[in-house]
Amino acid sequence: MAAAWWEELVVTAVAADGTGGSSTTVVSICVFTAVLCLCLVAGHLLEENKWVNESITALIIGCIIGAIIFLLTKGKHSHILKFDEQLFFIYVLPPIIFNAGFQVKKKQFFHNFMTIMSFGVFGVFISGAIVSAGCYWLFPKVGFGELGAVDYLALGAIFSSTDTVCTLQVINQDETPRLYSLVFGEGVVNDATAVVLFNVIKNLDVSKLKGGVVLKLISDFLYLFATSTIIGISIGLATAYVLKALYFGRHSTDREVALMALMAYLSYMLAELLELSGILTVFFCGIVMSHYAWHNVTESSRITTK
């Protein structure tokens, strides 16, 4: 009964649109929105549970709903939505990183800054070396033996770049502020280091290795880290000055919040345009805005952003 209903719903949507475009998209978005609402409700009900958190609940619900749709349609109309990495990196990731920078415990973060740098820089090189050596040993044994030295090094650089977004969902910043600052800070520095390492490896000529390669790697990392940080800090300070000088709150508090969000997004896109680390830029932009811009807005805007 349920399988027939779903089949009729999707087929009707496809037939109505001819190519299965907009009507099918409406059906997909409806299902996707319903699943998101279910995840939010379940996460709220399990907020005090010590064994199951919101991330695990969302993962389980997604797997169950996906399996049900797959079984009902027998695999014919189970792809209700397709993941687009560009959509994630351009629209979803910047607000997540900005919010983390805006809400991060600044005292804890800068107190552990050297530890974070050690994990984020040296950890990438150690991880990259281990992954590259493992690929060099394993790939020929499973039939992937046509790769060169640069390819193995590039794989090491790629897999050494970790994503801490999911990890941070299971760490409470108020309960474990030091662990949160270490994990998130390592993720931000890790991104910058991995980008530099991959770019150096991509342009590396193994037959013409010179002693200056290491110096170039270090100089590229310092350039990317410093430039990304400066852009984020500059845009954060500029936003604070504009909010204080023009006093947006006398007419509308919405403009204050909108300006902060748009300037933070501008810092991310500007860094990506210049082939820098957008994550690093928007993170430091969030830190500066929380320290300076937040005090230049009205009380209602402070409540909204907090």
Foldseek 3Di string as FASTA:
>chain_A
DVLVVVVCQQVVQCVVVVNSPPSLLVVLVVVVVVLVVVLVVVQVVCVVPPPDHSLNSSVVSVVVVLVVLCVSPVNPPSCSDDDDVVCCVQPPPLVLLLLCLQPAPVVLLVVCVVVLLCCQAVVLVVQLVVQLVVCCVPCVVVPNNPDDSLVSSLVSLVVSQDDCSSVLRVDDCVVCVNVNSSSSSSNQSNQLLSLLSNVLSVPDDPVDDDPCSVVVSVVSSVVQLVVLLVLLLVLLVVLLVCCQPVVPQVPPLVVNLVSLVVSLSVSLVVCVVVVHHSSSSSSNNSNSNSVRNLVSGDPVNVVVSD
